[in-house]
């Protein structure tokens, strides 16, 4: 089984309380969009679950090259 989720999934976790005055922009919105695959005996990927509902605006195709995943 493999699952791919939106790059805005989850929320930022505070790791160090000593650097609270740093204001890093958090782009995560807790988005629940994902797609889940199972791989059968022949090596074929079969979609078993998915949720395509994003809770944020999507980037236009002209700005996709700016995303970390690209």
N, C-alpha and C. Protein backbone atom coordinates (compact mmCIF):
# COMPACT_ATOMS: atom_id res chain seq x y z
N UNK A 1 0.83 -1.17 0.00
CA UNK A 1 0.00 0.00 0.00
C UNK A 1 0.88 1.24 0.00
N UNK A 2 0.51 2.21 -0.80
CA UNK A 2 1.19 3.51 -0.83
C UNK A 2 0.13 4.58 -0.74
N UNK A 3 0.45 5.67 -0.07
CA UNK A 3 -0.48 6.78 0.04
C UNK A 3 0.28 8.07 -0.23
N UNK A 4 -0.29 8.90 -1.09
CA UNK A 4 0.28 10.21 -1.39
C UNK A 4 -0.71 11.26 -0.91
N UNK A 5 -0.21 12.24 -0.18
CA UNK A 5 -1.09 13.27 0.35
C UNK A 5 -0.67 14.63 -0.19
N UNK A 6 -1.54 15.59 -0.01
CA UNK A 6 -1.30 16.96 -0.43
C UNK A 6 -0.10 17.52 0.33
N UNK A 7 0.67 18.38 -0.30
CA UNK A 7 1.85 18.93 0.35
C UNK A 7 1.48 19.94 1.44
N UNK A 8 0.19 20.28 1.56
CA UNK A 8 -0.27 21.14 2.65
C UNK A 8 -0.97 20.35 3.74
N UNK A 9 -0.78 19.04 3.76
CA UNK A 9 -1.40 18.19 4.78
C UNK A 9 -0.73 18.41 6.13
N UNK A 10 -1.50 18.26 7.19
CA UNK A 10 -0.96 18.38 8.54
C UNK A 10 -0.73 19.81 8.96
N UNK A 11 -0.11 19.96 10.10
CA UNK A 11 0.20 21.28 10.64
C UNK A 11 1.63 21.26 11.15
N UNK A 12 2.24 22.42 11.21
CA UNK A 12 3.61 22.54 11.67
C UNK A 12 3.67 22.26 13.17
N UNK A 13 4.67 21.52 13.58
CA UNK A 13 4.85 21.18 14.98
C UNK A 13 5.99 22.02 15.54
N UNK A 14 5.75 22.68 16.66
CA UNK A 14 6.80 23.45 17.31
C UNK A 14 7.80 22.49 17.93
N UNK A 15 9.04 22.50 17.42
CA UNK A 15 10.06 21.59 17.93
C UNK A 15 10.88 22.21 19.04
N UNK A 16 11.05 23.52 18.96
CA UNK A 16 11.93 24.16 19.94
C UNK A 16 11.22 25.40 20.49
N UNK A 17 11.05 25.45 21.78
CA UNK A 17 10.35 26.58 22.37
C UNK A 17 11.25 27.79 22.56
N UNK A 18 12.55 27.65 22.33
CA UNK A 18 13.47 28.76 22.52
C UNK A 18 13.50 29.72 21.34
N UNK A 19 12.97 29.32 20.20
CA UNK A 19 12.99 30.16 19.01
C UNK A 19 11.59 30.62 18.64
N UNK A 20 10.78 30.94 19.60
CA UNK A 20 9.40 31.34 19.36
C UNK A 20 9.31 32.69 18.65
N UNK A 21 10.34 33.54 18.75
CA UNK A 21 10.27 34.85 18.13
C UNK A 21 10.51 34.79 16.62
N UNK A 22 10.94 33.64 16.09
CA UNK A 22 11.08 33.48 14.65
C UNK A 22 9.69 33.28 14.06
N UNK A 23 9.38 33.99 13.00
CA UNK A 23 8.05 33.89 12.41
C UNK A 23 8.16 33.27 11.02
N UNK A 24 8.44 31.98 10.98
CA UNK A 24 8.45 31.27 9.71
C UNK A 24 7.02 31.09 9.23
N UNK A 25 6.81 31.33 7.96
CA UNK A 25 5.48 31.17 7.39
C UNK A 25 5.18 29.68 7.26
N UNK A 26 4.06 29.27 7.80
CA UNK A 26 3.65 27.87 7.70
C UNK A 26 2.63 27.75 6.58
N UNK A 27 2.94 26.95 5.57
CA UNK A 27 2.05 26.81 4.43
C UNK A 27 1.06 25.66 4.60
N UNK A 28 1.20 24.90 5.67
CA UNK A 28 0.31 23.75 5.86
C UNK A 28 -1.05 24.20 6.39
N UNK A 29 -2.10 23.59 5.83
CA UNK A 29 -3.46 23.98 6.20
C UNK A 29 -4.27 22.81 6.74
N UNK A 30 -3.65 21.67 6.95
CA UNK A 30 -4.40 20.50 7.42
C UNK A 30 -5.22 19.87 6.30
N UNK A 31 -4.79 20.04 5.06
CA UNK A 31 -5.53 19.52 3.91
C UNK A 31 -5.62 17.99 3.99
N UNK A 32 -6.79 17.46 3.69
CA UNK A 32 -7.03 16.02 3.80
C UNK A 32 -7.02 15.32 2.44
N UNK A 33 -6.66 16.02 1.36
CA UNK A 33 -6.64 15.41 0.04
C UNK A 33 -5.54 14.34 -0.04
N UNK A 34 -5.87 13.16 -0.59
CA UNK A 34 -4.90 12.09 -0.70
C UNK A 34 -5.37 11.10 -1.77
N UNK A 35 -4.48 10.22 -2.17
CA UNK A 35 -4.81 9.08 -3.02
C UNK A 35 -4.04 7.88 -2.46
N UNK A 36 -4.72 6.74 -2.36
CA UNK A 36 -4.12 5.53 -1.79
C UNK A 36 -4.15 4.42 -2.84
N UNK A 37 -3.03 3.71 -2.98
CA UNK A 37 -2.88 2.64 -3.96
C UNK A 37 -2.53 1.34 -3.26
N UNK A 38 -2.97 0.24 -3.84
CA UNK A 38 -2.49 -1.08 -3.48
C UNK A 38 -1.82 -1.65 -4.73
N UNK A 39 -0.78 -2.42 -4.54
CA UNK A 39 -0.06 -3.03 -5.65
C UNK A 39 -0.42 -4.50 -5.69
N UNK A 40 -0.95 -4.95 -6.84
CA UNK A 40 -1.37 -6.36 -6.93
C UNK A 40 -0.19 -7.25 -7.28
N UNK A 41 -0.45 -8.54 -7.46
CA UNK A 41 0.61 -9.52 -7.72
C UNK A 41 1.35 -9.26 -9.03
N UNK A 42 0.69 -8.61 -10.00
CA UNK A 42 1.31 -8.32 -11.29
C UNK A 42 2.08 -7.00 -11.27
N UNK A 43 2.10 -6.33 -10.15
CA UNK A 43 2.82 -5.05 -10.05
C UNK A 43 1.98 -3.86 -10.50
N UNK A 44 0.69 -4.06 -10.73
CA UNK A 44 -0.19 -2.96 -11.14
C UNK A 44 -0.65 -2.19 -9.91
N UNK A 45 -0.68 -0.88 -10.05
CA UNK A 45 -1.14 -0.02 -8.97
C UNK A 45 -2.64 0.19 -9.12
N UNK A 46 -3.39 -0.09 -8.07
CA UNK A 46 -4.84 0.03 -8.09
C UNK A 46 -5.25 1.06 -7.04
N UNK A 47 -6.00 2.07 -7.47
CA UNK A 47 -6.48 3.09 -6.54
C UNK A 47 -7.56 2.47 -5.67
N UNK A 48 -7.36 2.53 -4.35
CA UNK A 48 -8.34 1.94 -3.43
C UNK A 48 -9.14 3.00 -2.67
N UNK A 49 -8.53 4.15 -2.40
CA UNK A 49 -9.23 5.23 -1.71
C UNK A 49 -8.67 6.56 -2.22
N UNK A 50 -9.50 7.58 -2.19
CA UNK A 50 -9.01 8.91 -2.53
C UNK A 50 -9.96 9.98 -2.00
N UNK A 51 -9.43 11.15 -1.79
CA UNK A 51 -10.20 12.32 -1.42
C UNK A 51 -9.58 13.48 -2.17
N UNK A 52 -10.32 14.08 -3.08
CA UNK A 52 -9.78 15.15 -3.93
C UNK A 52 -10.17 16.53 -3.44
N UNK A 53 -10.80 16.60 -2.27
CA UNK A 53 -11.26 17.88 -1.73
C UNK A 53 -10.13 18.58 -0.99
N UNK A 54 -9.62 19.67 -1.58
CA UNK A 54 -8.58 20.48 -0.93
C UNK A 54 -9.27 21.58 -0.12
N UNK A 55 -8.67 22.00 0.98
CA UNK A 55 -9.23 23.08 1.80
C UNK A 55 -8.49 24.40 1.58
N UNK A 56 -7.86 24.53 0.42
CA UNK A 56 -7.08 25.72 0.09
C UNK A 56 -7.13 25.91 -1.42
N UNK A 57 -6.76 27.10 -1.87
CA UNK A 57 -6.72 27.38 -3.30
C UNK A 57 -5.54 26.64 -3.93
N UNK A 58 -5.73 26.16 -5.15
CA UNK A 58 -4.66 25.47 -5.87
C UNK A 58 -3.89 26.47 -6.72
N UNK A 59 -2.64 26.17 -6.99
CA UNK A 59 -1.82 27.05 -7.82
C UNK A 59 -2.22 26.92 -9.28
N UNK A 60 -2.08 27.99 -10.02
CA UNK A 60 -2.35 27.94 -11.45
C UNK A 60 -1.21 27.20 -12.15
N UNK A 61 -1.46 26.61 -13.32
CA UNK A 61 -0.40 25.88 -14.04
C UNK A 61 0.84 26.72 -14.32
N UNK A 62 0.68 28.03 -14.47
CA UNK A 62 1.84 28.89 -14.74
C UNK A 62 2.75 29.06 -13.53
N UNK A 63 2.27 28.70 -12.33
CA UNK A 63 3.06 28.83 -11.10
C UNK A 63 3.51 27.48 -10.55
N UNK A 64 3.17 26.37 -11.22
CA UNK A 64 3.52 25.04 -10.70
C UNK A 64 5.01 24.82 -10.57
N UNK A 65 5.80 25.45 -11.40
CA UNK A 65 7.25 25.26 -11.33
C UNK A 65 7.84 25.80 -10.02
N UNK A 66 7.07 26.59 -9.28
CA UNK A 66 7.55 27.15 -8.01
C UNK A 66 7.30 26.20 -6.83
N UNK A 67 6.55 25.14 -7.03
CA UNK A 67 6.24 24.21 -5.95
C UNK A 67 7.44 23.34 -5.60
N UNK A 68 7.62 23.01 -4.33
CA UNK A 68 8.76 22.16 -3.93
C UNK A 68 8.77 20.81 -4.62
N UNK A 69 7.61 20.29 -4.96
CA UNK A 69 7.56 18.95 -5.57
C UNK A 69 7.94 18.96 -7.05
N UNK A 70 8.08 20.13 -7.63
CA UNK A 70 8.44 20.20 -9.05
C UNK A 70 9.87 20.65 -9.19
